[in-house]
Protein backbone atom coordinates (compact mmCIF):
# COMPACT_ATOMS: atom_id res chain seq x y z
CA MET A 1 25.07 2.53 -35.08
CA ARG A 2 28.13 1.30 -33.19
CA ALA A 3 28.70 4.76 -31.74
CA ALA A 4 25.09 4.92 -30.52
CA LEU A 5 25.41 1.44 -28.99
CA LEU A 6 28.67 2.41 -27.30
CA ILE A 7 27.14 5.62 -25.88
CA PHE A 8 24.07 3.68 -24.68
CA THR A 9 26.30 1.09 -23.01
CA MET A 10 28.38 3.80 -21.33
CA LEU A 11 25.30 5.65 -20.10
CA THR A 12 23.57 2.55 -18.77
CA GLY A 13 26.81 1.26 -17.29
CA ALA A 14 27.22 4.46 -15.27
CA GLY A 15 23.77 3.97 -13.76
CA ALA A 16 24.31 0.26 -13.17
CA GLN A 17 25.96 0.93 -9.84
CA GLY A 18 22.50 1.43 -8.27
CA VAL A 19 20.28 -1.36 -7.08
CA ILE A 20 18.04 -2.85 -9.74
CA ASP A 21 14.63 -3.96 -8.50
CA ARG A 22 12.54 -6.71 -10.05
CA VAL A 23 9.20 -5.82 -11.61
CA ALA A 24 6.48 -7.75 -9.79
CA VAL A 25 3.32 -6.33 -11.39
CA VAL A 26 2.50 -4.01 -14.25
CA VAL A 27 -0.75 -2.05 -13.93
CA GLY A 28 -1.40 -0.23 -17.19
CA ASN A 29 1.81 1.76 -17.59
CA GLN A 30 2.68 1.71 -13.87
CA VAL A 31 5.13 -0.71 -12.32
CA ILE A 32 4.96 -2.28 -8.86
CA THR A 33 8.37 -3.58 -7.80
CA ASP A 34 9.31 -6.59 -5.74
CA THR A 35 10.58 -4.22 -3.03
CA GLU A 36 7.19 -2.47 -2.90
CA VAL A 37 5.43 -5.83 -2.58
CA ARG A 38 7.72 -6.97 0.24
CA THR A 39 7.33 -3.63 2.01
CA GLU A 40 3.53 -3.93 1.75
CA VAL A 41 3.71 -7.40 3.32
CA ARG A 42 5.87 -6.16 6.18
CA LEU A 43 3.76 -3.05 6.81
CA THR A 44 0.47 -4.94 6.83
CA GLN A 45 1.77 -7.66 9.12
CA PHE A 46 3.42 -5.09 11.41
CA LEU A 47 0.25 -2.98 11.71
CA ASN A 48 -1.92 -6.06 12.25
CA GLY A 49 0.46 -7.54 14.84
CA GLN A 50 1.03 -10.66 12.74
CA PRO A 51 4.25 -12.65 12.50
CA MET A 52 6.35 -11.77 9.49
CA ASP A 53 5.62 -14.06 6.55
CA LEU A 54 7.27 -13.30 3.22
CA SER A 55 6.00 -16.45 1.51
CA ALA A 56 4.94 -16.41 -2.13
CA ALA A 57 1.27 -16.47 -1.07
CA ALA A 58 1.72 -13.48 1.27
CA ARG A 59 3.57 -11.55 -1.44
CA ARG A 60 0.84 -12.32 -3.97
CA GLN A 61 -1.86 -11.06 -1.58
CA ALA A 62 0.17 -7.90 -0.99
CA ALA A 63 0.57 -7.43 -4.75
CA GLU A 64 -3.20 -7.72 -5.18
CA ARG A 65 -3.65 -5.00 -2.53
CA LEU A 66 -1.09 -2.81 -4.28
CA VAL A 67 -2.97 -3.19 -7.57
CA ASP A 68 -6.15 -2.06 -5.83
CA GLN A 69 -4.27 0.83 -4.24
CA GLN A 70 -2.91 1.86 -7.64
CA LEU A 71 -6.44 1.88 -9.07
CA ILE A 72 -7.72 3.89 -6.11
CA ARG A 73 -4.87 6.40 -6.46
CA GLY A 74 -5.73 6.84 -10.13
CA GLU A 75 -9.39 7.44 -9.32
CA MET A 76 -8.44 9.88 -6.56
CA GLU A 77 -6.33 11.88 -9.01
CA ILE A 78 -9.04 11.92 -11.68
CA GLY A 79 -11.81 12.75 -9.20
CA GLY A 80 -9.87 15.43 -7.35
CA TYR A 81 -10.26 13.72 -3.98
CA GLN A 82 -8.63 15.59 -1.13
CA ALA A 83 -5.55 13.92 0.34
CA PRO A 84 -5.01 14.03 4.11
CA ALA A 85 -2.70 16.74 5.39
CA GLY A 86 0.86 15.60 5.88
CA SER A 87 0.72 16.73 9.49
CA GLU A 88 -1.82 13.97 10.21
CA ALA A 89 0.90 11.34 9.75
CA ASP A 90 2.68 12.29 12.98
CA THR A 91 -0.59 12.16 14.92
CA LEU A 92 -1.49 8.78 13.43
CA LEU A 93 1.92 7.33 14.24
CA ARG A 94 1.80 8.67 17.80
CA GLN A 95 -1.67 7.14 18.33
CA PHE A 96 -0.55 3.81 16.89
CA ARG A 97 2.53 3.71 19.12
CA GLN A 98 0.56 4.62 22.25
CA GLN A 99 -2.04 1.93 21.52
CA ASN A 100 0.41 -0.85 20.70
CA TYR A 101 3.83 -0.30 22.28
CA PRO A 102 4.71 0.47 25.91
CA SER A 103 7.88 2.35 25.02
CA ASP A 104 9.74 3.95 22.16
CA VAL A 105 12.45 1.29 22.55
CA ALA A 106 9.90 -1.52 22.06
CA PHE A 107 8.45 0.24 19.02
CA ARG A 108 11.85 0.70 17.40
CA ALA A 109 12.80 -2.93 18.10
CA VAL A 110 9.70 -4.19 16.30
CA LEU A 111 10.31 -1.76 13.42
CA GLU A 112 13.79 -3.22 13.06
CA LYS A 113 12.46 -6.78 13.26
CA TYR A 114 10.11 -6.08 10.34
CA GLY A 115 12.74 -4.15 8.40
CA LEU A 116 10.68 -0.95 8.43
CA THR A 117 11.29 2.71 9.08
CA GLU A 118 9.14 5.12 11.01
CA GLU A 119 8.69 7.10 7.79
CA SER A 120 7.38 4.07 5.86
CA VAL A 121 4.86 3.39 8.64
CA LYS A 122 3.71 7.04 8.56
CA ARG A 123 3.28 6.92 4.77
CA HIS A 124 1.27 3.72 5.08
CA LEU A 125 -0.96 5.10 7.83
CA ILE A 126 -1.67 8.30 5.90
CA TRP A 127 -2.44 6.22 2.80
CA GLN A 128 -4.96 4.19 4.81
CA VAL A 129 -6.69 7.39 5.87
CA ALA A 130 -6.69 8.66 2.27
CA ALA A 131 -8.16 5.38 0.98
CA LEU A 132 -10.82 5.32 3.69
CA ARG A 133 -11.81 8.92 2.95
CA PHE A 134 -11.97 8.08 -0.73
CA ALA A 135 -14.27 5.15 0.06
CA GLU A 136 -16.40 7.36 2.30
CA GLN A 137 -16.86 9.96 -0.42
CA ARG A 138 -17.09 7.60 -3.38
CA PHE A 139 -19.30 4.94 -1.79
CA ARG A 140 -20.93 7.00 0.98
CA ILE A 141 -19.45 5.02 3.87
CA THR A 142 -20.57 6.56 7.15
CA ASN A 143 -18.55 7.14 10.31
CA PRO A 144 -15.06 7.36 8.77
CA PRO A 145 -12.44 6.11 11.22
CA GLN A 146 -9.93 8.57 12.58
CA THR A 147 -7.42 6.26 14.29
CA ALA A 148 -4.27 4.56 13.14
CA GLU A 149 -5.51 0.95 13.17
CA SER A 150 -5.29 -1.16 10.03
CA ALA A 151 -7.88 -0.46 7.34
CA ASP A 152 -9.65 -3.79 7.86
CA ARG A 153 -9.96 -3.28 11.61
CA LEU A 154 -11.10 0.32 11.10
CA VAL A 155 -13.91 -0.71 8.77
CA ASP A 156 -14.91 -3.60 11.03
CA ARG A 157 -15.09 -1.32 14.06
CA THR A 158 -16.94 1.64 12.58
CA LEU A 159 -19.67 0.28 10.34
CA PRO A 160 -22.74 -1.76 11.20
CA ALA A 161 -22.48 -5.22 9.63
CA SER A 162 -25.23 -4.63 7.04
CA SER A 163 -23.89 -1.23 5.98
CA LYS A 164 -20.32 -2.54 5.91
CA ALA A 165 -21.31 -5.44 3.66
CA GLU A 166 -23.14 -3.14 1.25
CA GLU A 167 -20.22 -0.70 1.09
CA GLU A 168 -17.70 -3.52 0.64
CA ASP A 169 -19.86 -4.94 -2.17
CA GLU A 170 -19.91 -1.54 -3.89
CA MET A 171 -16.15 -1.13 -3.50
CA ASP A 172 -15.51 -4.70 -4.70
CA ALA A 173 -17.73 -4.15 -7.74
CA TRP A 174 -15.96 -0.89 -8.54
CA LEU A 175 -12.51 -2.50 -8.18
CA LYS A 176 -13.57 -5.42 -10.37
CA GLN A 177 -14.75 -3.01 -13.05
CA ALA A 178 -11.59 -0.90 -12.75
CA ARG A 179 -9.42 -4.03 -13.04
CA SER A 180 -11.28 -5.15 -16.15
CA GLY A 181 -10.55 -1.83 -17.85
CA ILE A 182 -6.79 -1.96 -17.48
CA ARG A 183 -4.01 -4.39 -18.32
CA ILE A 184 -2.64 -6.04 -15.18
CA GLN A 185 0.28 -8.40 -15.50
CA PHE A 186 1.70 -10.32 -12.55
CA LYS A 187 5.29 -11.44 -13.21
CA LYS A 188 5.31 -15.12 -12.26
CA GLU A 189 8.99 -15.14 -11.30
CA ALA A 190 8.36 -12.50 -8.61
CA PHE A 191 6.02 -14.82 -6.71
CA GLN A 192 7.99 -18.05 -6.69
């Protein structure tokens, strides 16, 4: 027993040099970390042109979005939904930069201000396209957006108000049902 404890301590001690991240949310057997929540806040505010706000309320809203994203990813895997091609990420990023920043220097300055990388923005943009395509296929949303705007602005711009409301109701009902079928635990200390 002592030998096993000593070996365990040695093994875990060797890995202790890395950064340990706090668990913010547990969704079934998946973990969402504090770093993922904070990155989601920064990405959303960056893409929406909002001032950076890492308050507990903003982090909680981001965590709620990440739970929904986790549920959507699970459904996409089960349903065999097609993911966007990786090459689309460069196009999306280029479109976003052209629409929002006059120069590469300005873009990089804002990335730095929000503590983001170009790669994290590309991953987020490609995820938005994947989620929108999932919604189009799963809930029959028409006119899927093809630009790099935020998901909320894309839906607002592309759907008539009545159709958008119906599709959002369907998606909300599906997410509510999906949430009820899985254990979701928000760690209180992560949102203080």
